[in-house]
Amino acid sequence: MKNFRCLLPLLCGALALFAAGCNSTGGYNDQSDLPAGVKRVEARFFLEVAGDSMAAAPMPISGTRVSIGTDPVFHEFDIAAVGVARNPPLGACLIFQFNGDAGRELYRMTTTNQGRRLVLMLNRQTVGVYPITAPVSNGRLVVYPELDEKLLPDLAAGINYYSAELARQH
């Protein structure tokens, strides 16, 4: 019983630390730990579904509406890296490289859903679509977002930072 009395303060302290960690507001939702000039960008892909396109958010420039499912098919933690490239006739694009498991899922999804589109949302705003015309076997998607080209490098940096931070924490 005497040993239990010695352990009780230690157990209470450990429990208090655990409870404080569960209620923490820090982590990847906290913007204070970002490098200068980087804004955290949440990138998610949704699969087009059959239905009323008025239920979907419009694209920023064209106003095109795409009906999407309620759950994303790819999240920030599925993204290994994002780059920016310029294709002279089409403009600037974001190139998403998915990690191993997500890359295999991308191949499976694009094999079975040809004719549909993957919709890219950045910080819960619809910004681009990827038409599924063939299976994607290299784990890479090229999306031409309906945004000012000057914004793309900062968006790519924010996506890369957030994805790397999620990978580090998990």
C-alpha atoms as a PDB file:
ATOM      1  CA  MET A   1       0.000   0.000   0.000  1.00  0.00           C
ATOM      2  CA  LYS A   2       2.919   2.321   0.722  1.00  0.00           C
ATOM      3  CA  ASN A   3       4.216   1.810  -2.839  1.00  0.00           C
ATOM      4  CA  PHE A   4       0.820   2.794  -4.201  1.00  0.00           C
ATOM      5  CA  ARG A   5       0.952   6.118  -2.304  1.00  0.00           C
ATOM      6  CA  CYS A   6       4.276   6.891  -3.980  1.00  0.00           C
ATOM      7  CA  LEU A   7       2.923   6.100  -7.425  1.00  0.00           C
ATOM      8  CA  LEU A   8      -0.353   7.981  -7.042  1.00  0.00           C
ATOM      9  CA  PRO A   9       1.135  11.504  -7.563  1.00  0.00           C
ATOM     10  CA  LEU A  10       3.036  10.260 -10.611  1.00  0.00           C
ATOM     11  CA  LEU A  11      -0.086   8.700 -12.107  1.00  0.00           C
ATOM     12  CA  CYS A  12      -2.129  11.852 -11.447  1.00  0.00           C
ATOM     13  CA  GLY A  13       0.561  13.996 -13.059  1.00  0.00           C
ATOM     14  CA  ALA A  14       0.723  11.755 -16.130  1.00  0.00           C
ATOM     15  CA  LEU A  15      -3.068  11.793 -16.402  1.00  0.00           C
ATOM     16  CA  ALA A  16      -3.117  15.600 -16.159  1.00  0.00           C
ATOM     17  CA  LEU A  17      -0.509  15.914 -18.927  1.00  0.00           C
ATOM     18  CA  PHE A  18      -2.439  13.500 -21.111  1.00  0.00           C
ATOM     19  CA  ALA A  19      -5.710  15.397 -20.575  1.00  0.00           C
ATOM     20  CA  ALA A  20      -4.020  18.725 -21.320  1.00  0.00           C
ATOM     21  CA  GLY A  21      -2.651  17.326 -24.574  1.00  0.00           C
ATOM     22  CA  CYS A  22      -6.106  16.158 -25.655  1.00  0.00           C
ATOM     23  CA  ASN A  23      -7.503  19.680 -25.250  1.00  0.00           C
ATOM     24  CA  SER A  24      -4.558  21.403 -26.912  1.00  0.00           C
ATOM     25  CA  THR A  25      -5.261  23.996 -29.569  1.00  0.00           C
ATOM     26  CA  GLY A  26      -1.804  23.587 -31.067  1.00  0.00           C
ATOM     27  CA  GLY A  27      -0.680  21.097 -33.665  1.00  0.00           C
ATOM     28  CA  TYR A  28      -1.442  21.389 -37.330  1.00  0.00           C
ATOM     29  CA  ASN A  29      -4.422  23.704 -36.830  1.00  0.00           C
ATOM     30  CA  ASP A  30      -2.166  26.326 -35.259  1.00  0.00           C
ATOM     31  CA  GLN A  31      -0.841  28.960 -37.711  1.00  0.00           C
ATOM     32  CA  SER A  32       1.782  30.371 -35.327  1.00  0.00           C
ATOM     33  CA  ASP A  33       4.509  27.852 -36.149  1.00  0.00           C
ATOM     34  CA  LEU A  34       4.578  28.531 -39.914  1.00  0.00           C
ATOM     35  CA  PRO A  35       7.734  29.794 -41.617  1.00  0.00           C
ATOM     36  CA  ALA A  36       7.634  33.447 -42.691  1.00  0.00           C
ATOM     37  CA  GLY A  37       5.570  33.957 -45.840  1.00  0.00           C
ATOM     38  CA  VAL A  38       3.966  30.479 -45.773  1.00  0.00           C
ATOM     39  CA  LYS A  39       0.239  30.032 -45.264  1.00  0.00           C
ATOM     40  CA  ARG A  40      -1.135  26.589 -44.509  1.00  0.00           C
ATOM     41  CA  VAL A  41      -3.247  25.305 -47.414  1.00  0.00           C
ATOM     42  CA  GLU A  42      -5.665  22.409 -47.054  1.00  0.00           C
ATOM     43  CA  ALA A  43      -5.886  20.490 -50.366  1.00  0.00           C
ATOM     44  CA  ARG A  44      -8.573  17.855 -50.873  1.00  0.00           C
ATOM     45  CA  PHE A  45      -9.884  15.992 -53.882  1.00  0.00           C
ATOM     46  CA  PHE A  46     -13.513  14.950 -54.281  1.00  0.00           C
ATOM     47  CA  LEU A  47     -14.966  12.578 -56.862  1.00  0.00           C
ATOM     48  CA  GLU A  48     -17.752  13.810 -59.106  1.00  0.00           C
ATOM     49  CA  VAL A  49     -21.087  12.116 -58.466  1.00  0.00           C
ATOM     50  CA  ALA A  50     -24.298  11.988 -60.467  1.00  0.00           C
ATOM     51  CA  GLY A  51     -26.820  14.544 -59.298  1.00  0.00           C
ATOM     52  CA  ASP A  52     -27.857  18.163 -59.261  1.00  0.00           C
ATOM     53  CA  SER A  53     -24.884  20.420 -60.020  1.00  0.00           C
ATOM     54  CA  MET A  54     -26.570  23.315 -58.199  1.00  0.00           C
ATOM     55  CA  ALA A  55     -25.570  21.575 -54.943  1.00  0.00           C
ATOM     56  CA  ALA A  56     -21.869  22.042 -55.716  1.00  0.00           C
ATOM     57  CA  ALA A  57     -19.785  25.146 -55.175  1.00  0.00           C
ATOM     58  CA  PRO A  58     -18.986  27.014 -58.393  1.00  0.00           C
ATOM     59  CA  MET A  59     -15.503  27.313 -59.864  1.00  0.00           C
ATOM     60  CA  PRO A  60     -14.038  30.792 -59.223  1.00  0.00           C
ATOM     61  CA  ILE A  61     -13.803  32.026 -62.832  1.00  0.00           C
ATOM     62  CA  SER A  62     -15.988  29.896 -65.097  1.00  0.00           C
ATOM     63  CA  GLY A  63     -18.772  29.382 -62.558  1.00  0.00           C
ATOM     64  CA  THR A  64     -18.894  25.694 -63.577  1.00  0.00           C
ATOM     65  CA  ARG A  65     -20.607  23.542 -60.974  1.00  0.00           C
ATOM     66  CA  VAL A  66     -19.664  19.927 -60.360  1.00  0.00           C
ATOM     67  CA  SER A  67     -21.647  17.683 -58.023  1.00  0.00           C
ATOM     68  CA  ILE A  68     -19.284  16.000 -55.604  1.00  0.00           C
ATOM     69  CA  GLY A  69     -19.526  13.466 -52.816  1.00  0.00           C
ATOM     70  CA  THR A  70     -19.536  14.651 -49.220  1.00  0.00           C
ATOM     71  CA  ASP A  71     -16.260  12.959 -48.294  1.00  0.00           C
ATOM     72  CA  PRO A  72     -12.915  13.694 -49.938  1.00  0.00           C
ATOM     73  CA  VAL A  73     -11.218  10.803 -51.714  1.00  0.00           C
ATOM     74  CA  PHE A  74      -7.737  12.280 -51.143  1.00  0.00           C
ATOM     75  CA  HIS A  75      -6.544  14.464 -48.246  1.00  0.00           C
ATOM     76  CA  GLU A  76      -3.453  16.479 -47.376  1.00  0.00           C
ATOM     77  CA  PHE A  77      -1.719  13.451 -45.888  1.00  0.00           C
ATOM     78  CA  ASP A  78      -2.032  11.601 -49.231  1.00  0.00           C
ATOM     79  CA  ILE A  79       0.092  14.246 -50.960  1.00  0.00           C
ATOM     80  CA  ALA A  80       3.852  13.665 -51.086  1.00  0.00           C
ATOM     81  CA  ALA A  81       4.667  16.914 -52.924  1.00  0.00           C
ATOM     82  CA  VAL A  82       3.173  19.678 -55.048  1.00  0.00           C
ATOM     83  CA  GLY A  83       4.964  21.627 -57.731  1.00  0.00           C
ATOM     84  CA  VAL A  84       4.109  24.422 -60.130  1.00  0.00           C
ATOM     85  CA  ALA A  85       4.740  24.185 -63.851  1.00  0.00           C
ATOM     86  CA  ARG A  86       3.893  26.276 -66.877  1.00  0.00           C
ATOM     87  CA  ASN A  87       2.497  24.825 -70.078  1.00  0.00           C
ATOM     88  CA  PRO A  88       2.591  27.680 -72.653  1.00  0.00           C
ATOM     89  CA  PRO A  89      -0.671  26.924 -74.434  1.00  0.00           C
ATOM     90  CA  LEU A  90      -2.617  26.051 -71.260  1.00  0.00           C
ATOM     91  CA  GLY A  91      -1.026  28.196 -68.540  1.00  0.00           C
ATOM     92  CA  ALA A  92       0.262  27.374 -65.088  1.00  0.00           C
ATOM     93  CA  CYS A  93      -0.675  24.189 -63.279  1.00  0.00           C
ATOM     94  CA  LEU A  94      -0.221  22.422 -59.973  1.00  0.00           C
ATOM     95  CA  ILE A  95       1.393  18.974 -60.165  1.00  0.00           C
ATOM     96  CA  PHE A  96       0.378  16.739 -57.271  1.00  0.00           C
ATOM     97  CA  GLN A  97       2.531  13.709 -56.467  1.00  0.00           C
ATOM     98  CA  PHE A  98       0.695  11.249 -54.219  1.00  0.00           C
ATOM     99  CA  ASN A  99       2.425   8.971 -51.730  1.00  0.00           C
ATOM    100  CA  GLY A 100       2.620   5.192 -52.299  1.00  0.00           C
ATOM    101  CA  ASP A 101      -0.735   4.041 -50.905  1.00  0.00           C
ATOM    102  CA  ALA A 102      -2.611   7.044 -52.283  1.00  0.00           C
ATOM    103  CA  GLY A 103      -0.882   6.589 -55.655  1.00  0.00           C
ATOM    104  CA  ARG A 104      -2.198   3.025 -55.843  1.00  0.00           C
ATOM    105  CA  GLU A 105      -5.670   4.221 -54.838  1.00  0.00           C
ATOM    106  CA  LEU A 106      -5.462   6.939 -57.512  1.00  0.00           C
ATOM    107  CA  TYR A 107      -4.748   4.261 -60.116  1.00  0.00           C
ATOM    108  CA  ARG A 108      -7.661   2.111 -58.919  1.00  0.00           C
ATOM    109  CA  MET A 109     -10.033   5.084 -58.792  1.00  0.00           C
ATOM    110  CA  THR A 110      -9.103   6.429 -62.224  1.00  0.00           C
ATOM    111  CA  THR A 111      -9.454   2.947 -63.713  1.00  0.00           C
ATOM    112  CA  THR A 112     -13.024   2.508 -62.470  1.00  0.00           C
ATOM    113  CA  ASN A 113     -14.301   6.103 -62.784  1.00  0.00           C
ATOM    114  CA  GLN A 114     -13.375   7.160 -66.301  1.00  0.00           C
ATOM    115  CA  GLY A 115     -15.636   9.899 -67.614  1.00  0.00           C
ATOM    116  CA  ARG A 116     -15.944  11.516 -64.181  1.00  0.00           C
ATOM    117  CA  ARG A 117     -13.821  14.307 -62.698  1.00  0.00           C
ATOM    118  CA  LEU A 118     -11.743  14.787 -59.570  1.00  0.00           C
ATOM    119  CA  VAL A 119     -12.467  18.179 -58.026  1.00  0.00           C
ATOM    120  CA  LEU A 120      -9.692  20.043 -56.208  1.00  0.00           C
ATOM    121  CA  MET A 121     -10.651  22.165 -53.220  1.00  0.00           C
ATOM    122  CA  LEU A 122      -8.123  24.431 -51.535  1.00  0.00           C
ATOM    123  CA  ASN A 123      -9.163  25.646 -48.104  1.00  0.00           C
ATOM    124  CA  ARG A 124     -12.717  24.502 -48.872  1.00  0.00           C
ATOM    125  CA  GLN A 125     -12.949  26.473 -52.119  1.00  0.00           C
ATOM    126  CA  THR A 126     -13.429  24.665 -55.427  1.00  0.00           C
ATOM    127  CA  VAL A 127     -10.555  25.726 -57.671  1.00  0.00           C
ATOM    128  CA  GLY A 128      -9.998  23.070 -60.341  1.00  0.00           C
ATOM    129  CA  VAL A 129     -10.989  19.773 -61.884  1.00  0.00           C
ATOM    130  CA  TYR A 130      -9.095  16.834 -63.311  1.00  0.00           C
ATOM    131  CA  PRO A 131     -11.051  14.961 -66.011  1.00  0.00           C
ATOM    132  CA  ILE A 132     -10.523  11.207 -65.651  1.00  0.00           C
ATOM    133  CA  THR A 133      -9.899   9.993 -69.192  1.00  0.00           C
ATOM    134  CA  ALA A 134      -7.406   7.190 -68.497  1.00  0.00           C
ATOM    135  CA  PRO A 135      -5.882   5.374 -65.523  1.00  0.00           C
ATOM    136  CA  VAL A 136      -3.203   7.392 -63.705  1.00  0.00           C
ATOM    137  CA  SER A 137      -0.394   4.928 -63.031  1.00  0.00           C
ATOM    138  CA  ASN A 138       2.398   7.301 -61.952  1.00  0.00           C
ATOM    139  CA  GLY A 139       0.654   8.769 -58.871  1.00  0.00           C
ATOM    140  CA  ARG A 140       0.733  12.250 -60.389  1.00  0.00           C
ATOM    141  CA  LEU A 141      -2.168  14.596 -61.179  1.00  0.00           C
ATOM    142  CA  VAL A 142      -1.857  17.819 -63.135  1.00  0.00           C
ATOM    143  CA  VAL A 143      -4.562  20.352 -62.294  1.00  0.00           C
ATOM    144  CA  TYR A 144      -5.048  23.730 -63.972  1.00  0.00           C
ATOM    145  CA  PRO A 145      -6.747  25.747 -61.230  1.00  0.00           C
ATOM    146  CA  GLU A 146      -8.981  28.693 -62.022  1.00  0.00           C
ATOM    147  CA  LEU A 147      -6.771  31.064 -60.069  1.00  0.00           C
ATOM    148  CA  ASP A 148      -4.295  33.814 -60.806  1.00  0.00           C
ATOM    149  CA  GLU A 149      -1.000  32.164 -61.820  1.00  0.00           C
ATOM    150  CA  LYS A 150       0.891  34.405 -59.401  1.00  0.00           C
ATOM    151  CA  LEU A 151      -0.823  32.673 -56.460  1.00  0.00           C
ATOM    152  CA  LEU A 152       0.274  29.155 -57.384  1.00  0.00           C
ATOM    153  CA  PRO A 153       3.832  29.142 -55.930  1.00  0.00           C
ATOM    154  CA  ASP A 154       2.547  30.293 -52.526  1.00  0.00           C
ATOM    155  CA  LEU A 155      -0.309  27.769 -52.645  1.00  0.00           C
ATOM    156  CA  ALA A 156       2.115  24.955 -53.516  1.00  0.00           C
ATOM    157  CA  ALA A 157       4.387  25.987 -50.613  1.00  0.00           C
ATOM    158  CA  GLY A 158       1.408  25.986 -48.234  1.00  0.00           C
ATOM    159  CA  ILE A 159       0.213  22.571 -49.398  1.00  0.00           C
ATOM    160  CA  ASN A 160       3.728  21.122 -49.156  1.00  0.00           C
ATOM    161  CA  TYR A 161       4.214  22.515 -45.661  1.00  0.00           C
ATOM    162  CA  TYR A 162       0.849  21.256 -44.394  1.00  0.00           C
ATOM    163  CA  SER A 163       1.287  17.808 -45.950  1.00  0.00           C
ATOM    164  CA  ALA A 164       4.787  17.466 -44.513  1.00  0.00           C
ATOM    165  CA  GLU A 165       3.587  18.636 -41.101  1.00  0.00           C
ATOM    166  CA  LEU A 166       0.780  16.050 -41.097  1.00  0.00           C
ATOM    167  CA  ALA A 167       3.234  13.321 -42.124  1.00  0.00           C
ATOM    168  CA  ARG A 168       5.628  14.382 -39.368  1.00  0.00           C
ATOM    169  CA  GLN A 169       2.924  14.364 -36.701  1.00  0.00           C
ATOM    170  CA  HIS A 170       1.520  10.996 -37.709  1.00  0.00           C
END
